[in-house]
Protein backbone atom coordinates (compact mmCIF):
# COMPACT_ATOMS: atom_id res chain seq x y z
CA MET A 1 0.50 -24.76 15.20
CA SER A 2 3.67 -24.00 17.14
CA THR A 3 4.28 -20.58 18.65
CA PRO A 4 7.23 -18.90 16.91
CA THR A 5 10.14 -17.88 19.09
CA THR A 6 10.65 -14.13 19.01
CA SER A 7 14.08 -12.62 19.49
CA ASP A 8 14.75 -9.15 20.82
CA LEU A 9 15.72 -8.09 17.29
CA GLY A 10 12.55 -9.46 15.75
CA ALA A 11 10.38 -7.87 18.43
CA SER A 12 12.04 -4.49 17.87
CA ILE A 13 11.12 -4.30 14.18
CA THR A 14 7.97 -2.32 13.42
CA VAL A 15 5.95 -1.77 10.28
CA GLU A 16 6.63 1.95 10.59
CA ALA A 17 10.40 1.40 10.69
CA LEU A 18 10.28 -0.89 7.67
CA GLU A 19 8.25 1.65 5.75
CA ALA A 20 10.53 4.54 6.69
CA ASP A 21 13.87 2.91 5.81
CA PRO A 22 14.13 -0.89 5.63
CA PHE A 23 17.72 -1.14 4.41
CA PRO A 24 19.53 -0.79 7.76
CA ILE A 25 17.11 -3.35 9.21
CA TYR A 26 17.85 -5.82 6.41
CA ALA A 27 21.59 -5.31 6.85
CA ARG A 28 21.33 -6.02 10.57
CA LEU A 29 19.17 -9.09 9.97
CA ARG A 30 21.65 -10.49 7.45
CA GLU A 31 24.45 -10.01 9.96
CA GLU A 32 22.75 -11.09 13.20
CA GLU A 33 19.64 -13.14 12.43
CA PRO A 34 19.19 -14.12 8.76
CA VAL A 35 15.98 -16.04 9.55
CA CYS A 36 13.98 -13.91 11.95
CA PHE A 37 10.37 -13.98 13.11
CA VAL A 38 8.92 -10.46 13.09
CA PRO A 39 5.69 -10.27 15.13
CA ALA A 40 4.73 -6.91 13.58
CA VAL A 41 4.05 -8.66 10.26
CA GLY A 42 3.51 -12.20 11.55
CA LEU A 43 6.19 -13.61 9.26
CA ARG A 44 9.73 -14.89 9.29
CA LEU A 45 12.03 -12.73 7.18
CA VAL A 46 14.78 -14.56 5.28
CA THR A 47 17.47 -12.11 4.22
CA ARG A 48 20.59 -13.94 2.97
CA TRP A 49 20.96 -14.84 -0.68
CA ASP A 50 21.58 -18.57 -0.30
CA ASP A 51 18.67 -18.94 2.10
CA VAL A 52 16.38 -16.96 -0.18
CA GLN A 53 17.36 -19.22 -3.08
CA PHE A 54 16.61 -22.28 -0.98
CA VAL A 55 13.12 -21.00 -0.11
CA ALA A 56 12.41 -20.10 -3.72
CA THR A 57 13.54 -23.45 -5.13
CA HIS A 58 11.93 -25.86 -2.64
CA PRO A 59 8.19 -25.66 -3.30
CA GLU A 60 7.67 -28.98 -1.53
CA VAL A 61 8.52 -27.15 1.71
CA PHE A 62 7.55 -23.52 1.13
CA THR A 63 4.20 -22.48 -0.30
CA ALA A 64 2.81 -19.14 -1.45
CA GLU A 65 -0.29 -19.51 0.71
CA VAL A 66 0.18 -17.44 3.86
CA ASP A 67 -2.33 -17.40 6.70
CA ALA A 68 -3.95 -14.00 7.30
CA SER A 69 -2.23 -12.50 4.25
CA PRO A 70 -3.25 -8.84 3.86
CA LEU A 71 -3.02 -9.33 0.10
CA ALA A 72 -5.50 -12.21 0.17
CA ARG A 73 -7.68 -10.25 2.58
CA THR A 74 -7.77 -7.36 0.11
CA LEU A 75 -8.05 -9.24 -3.20
CA GLY A 76 -9.31 -12.67 -2.16
CA ARG A 77 -7.59 -15.76 -3.51
CA ASN A 78 -5.37 -14.55 -6.31
CA VAL A 79 -2.50 -15.64 -8.51
CA LEU A 80 0.10 -14.34 -6.06
CA THR A 81 -1.15 -16.28 -3.05
CA VAL A 82 -1.98 -19.75 -4.37
CA ASP A 83 -0.01 -22.70 -5.71
CA GLY A 84 -0.36 -25.60 -8.09
CA ALA A 85 -3.50 -26.06 -10.17
CA ASP A 86 -5.21 -22.95 -8.76
CA HIS A 87 -2.22 -20.81 -9.65
CA ALA A 88 -2.03 -22.29 -13.16
CA ARG A 89 -5.75 -21.69 -13.75
CA MET A 90 -5.61 -18.06 -12.63
CA ARG A 91 -2.39 -17.37 -14.50
CA ALA A 92 -3.68 -18.83 -17.77
CA GLY A 93 -5.96 -15.86 -18.38
CA MET A 94 -3.15 -13.32 -18.20
CA ASP A 95 -0.05 -15.25 -19.17
CA ALA A 96 -0.05 -14.84 -22.95
CA PRO A 97 -0.44 -11.03 -23.15
CA MET A 98 2.08 -10.54 -20.34
CA ARG A 99 4.95 -12.55 -21.75
CA PRO A 100 8.07 -10.39 -22.14
CA ARG A 101 8.29 -10.62 -25.92
CA THR A 102 4.58 -9.79 -26.29
CA VAL A 103 4.88 -6.84 -23.93
CA GLU A 104 7.88 -5.55 -25.86
CA GLY A 105 5.65 -5.40 -28.92
CA TYR A 106 2.84 -3.28 -27.49
CA ALA A 107 4.37 -1.43 -24.53
CA PRO A 108 5.97 1.44 -26.50
CA GLY A 109 2.68 2.25 -28.22
CA VAL A 110 0.93 2.39 -24.86
CA ILE A 111 3.53 4.13 -22.71
CA GLU A 112 5.29 6.57 -25.03
CA PRO A 113 2.24 8.74 -25.90
CA ILE A 114 1.34 9.00 -22.21
CA ALA A 115 4.92 9.84 -21.25
CA ARG A 116 5.29 12.38 -24.05
CA ARG A 117 2.06 14.14 -23.09
CA HIS A 118 3.20 14.57 -19.50
CA LEU A 119 6.73 15.60 -20.45
CA ASP A 120 5.36 18.25 -22.81
CA ALA A 121 3.15 19.62 -20.04
CA ILE A 122 6.17 19.87 -17.73
CA ALA A 123 8.33 21.49 -20.43
CA ASP A 124 5.68 24.16 -21.07
CA GLY A 125 5.35 25.05 -17.39
CA PRO A 126 7.54 26.71 -14.76
CA GLY A 127 8.64 23.38 -13.30
CA ALA A 128 7.08 20.39 -11.59
CA GLU A 129 7.41 17.89 -8.78
CA LEU A 130 8.53 14.83 -10.74
CA MET A 131 6.84 12.07 -8.73
CA SER A 132 3.33 13.51 -8.65
CA THR A 133 3.29 15.14 -12.09
CA TYR A 134 5.12 12.49 -14.11
CA CYS A 135 6.09 9.19 -12.48
CA GLU A 136 2.79 8.39 -10.77
CA PRO A 137 0.37 9.45 -13.52
CA VAL A 138 2.39 7.82 -16.30
CA SER A 139 2.60 4.62 -14.27
CA VAL A 140 -1.10 4.33 -13.44
CA LEU A 141 -2.31 5.47 -16.86
CA ALA A 142 -0.10 2.94 -18.65
CA LEU A 143 -1.21 0.16 -16.32
CA GLY A 144 -4.83 1.22 -16.69
CA ALA A 145 -4.56 1.14 -20.48
CA VAL A 146 -3.17 -2.40 -20.40
CA MET A 147 -5.95 -3.49 -18.05
CA GLY A 148 -8.71 -2.04 -20.24
CA LEU A 149 -9.23 1.01 -18.02
CA GLY A 150 -7.84 3.51 -20.48
CA ASP A 151 -10.91 5.75 -20.23
CA LEU A 152 -10.23 6.61 -16.58
CA ASP A 153 -8.21 9.61 -15.44
CA ALA A 154 -4.93 9.39 -13.55
CA GLU A 155 -6.32 10.58 -10.23
CA THR A 156 -9.02 7.88 -10.19
CA LEU A 157 -6.51 5.17 -11.06
CA ARG A 158 -4.02 6.50 -8.55
CA ARG A 159 -6.67 6.38 -5.83
CA TRP A 160 -7.80 2.86 -6.76
CA PHE A 161 -4.32 1.41 -6.99
CA GLY A 162 -3.23 3.26 -3.85
CA ASP A 163 -6.16 1.87 -1.87
CA LEU A 164 -5.46 -1.66 -3.09
CA ALA A 165 -1.81 -1.29 -2.13
CA THR A 166 -2.77 0.08 1.28
CA GLY A 167 -5.02 -2.92 1.88
CA GLY A 168 -2.36 -5.33 0.67
CA ALA A 169 0.13 -3.83 3.12
CA ASN A 170 -2.20 -3.49 6.10
CA PHE A 171 -0.52 -6.01 8.39
CA GLU A 172 -2.07 -4.31 11.41
CA GLN A 173 -5.57 -5.15 10.07
CA ASP A 174 -6.52 -1.59 10.90
CA PRO A 175 -9.80 -0.66 9.15
CA ARG A 176 -8.94 3.00 9.67
CA SER A 177 -5.74 2.75 7.65
CA ARG A 178 -5.60 5.50 5.06
CA ARG A 179 -1.89 5.46 4.37
CA SER A 180 -1.19 5.93 0.69
CA PRO A 181 1.74 3.74 -0.45
CA MET A 182 2.13 6.03 -3.45
CA ARG A 183 3.34 8.71 -1.02
CA ARG A 184 5.82 6.45 0.72
CA ALA A 185 8.94 4.61 -0.32
CA PRO A 186 7.82 1.97 -2.83
CA ARG A 187 7.41 -1.61 -1.74
CA SER A 188 8.80 -4.48 -3.70
CA THR A 189 7.58 -7.92 -4.46
CA ALA A 190 8.92 -10.59 -2.16
CA ALA A 191 8.15 -14.28 -1.96
CA SER A 192 5.75 -15.11 0.83
CA ALA A 193 5.44 -18.66 2.02
CA ARG A 194 4.22 -20.90 4.80
CA PHE A 195 6.50 -23.67 6.05
CA SER A 196 4.53 -26.88 6.03
CA THR A 197 5.59 -30.37 7.03
CA GLY A 198 4.72 -33.12 4.60
CA SER A 199 2.98 -30.83 2.14
CA SER A 200 2.63 -31.76 -1.50
CA ALA A 201 4.96 -30.07 -3.96
CA SER A 202 3.68 -26.78 -5.26
CA PRO A 203 5.54 -23.87 -6.86
CA THR A 204 6.44 -20.92 -4.69
CA ARG A 205 5.13 -17.71 -6.23
CA ALA A 206 5.99 -14.09 -5.72
CA SER A 207 3.71 -12.22 -3.38
CA SER A 208 2.31 -8.68 -3.71
CA PRO A 209 3.97 -5.56 -2.29
CA THR A 210 3.37 -7.06 1.21
CA CYS A 211 7.08 -7.17 2.08
CA TRP A 212 9.58 -4.38 1.68
CA ARG A 213 12.10 -3.31 -0.90
CA PRO A 214 15.12 -5.61 -0.68
CA THR A 215 18.77 -4.69 -0.81
CA GLY A 216 20.40 -6.87 -3.46
CA PRO A 217 18.53 -10.18 -3.45
CA GLY A 218 16.26 -8.95 -0.68
CA PRO A 219 14.28 -10.77 1.98
CA ARG A 220 11.75 -13.52 1.60
CA CYS A 221 9.01 -14.16 4.10
CA PHE A 222 7.28 -17.26 5.29
CA ARG A 223 5.01 -18.48 8.03
CA THR A 224 5.74 -21.75 9.76
CA SER A 225 3.47 -24.43 11.14
CA SER A 226 4.16 -27.75 12.76
């Protein structure tokens, strides 16, 4: 495997800076180095729209399988980090109930009672911090209900999902990491891929929240090998 060339810009980017405010970093990357290797995350960030589209539409070159992926390290092989037949097999079990039209049919019945309960509690009180008393609990409770975990309380689900997200974002491979992503700026899904020469065609899939919230089309990430 070739050693990626690191620019001064790439070397200056840290996980902490991306977590704190990624947008100025993305803007600078688009202007100065639209394909940039960032050692802090061990990936090349692709930040211009046309380049992102190229990565996303050329599965014969870019694959979802990324070496040392913190998402794969946390969850094992999963639908977001594999291609081809493995991806199709894993996706088959969740595809039907997650299709947009199907979700439109059951989502209101799941989400609205949860949302109404929390809004009523806020209305009856002196005031509330919106993220912790409404956005987070409604989010995790609705997701838990869809996943068959509707008997669990919001704090348990928040802790579980937060720990999974922390593991999926732990690029430093720090076993002491206790950062809660639910207390930071939210991460977004971004395509993660490894550049491979002569690889067989396989669809590029979206990765977990292991990259950062994009501005507009946002960045895509990939690892290269010779």
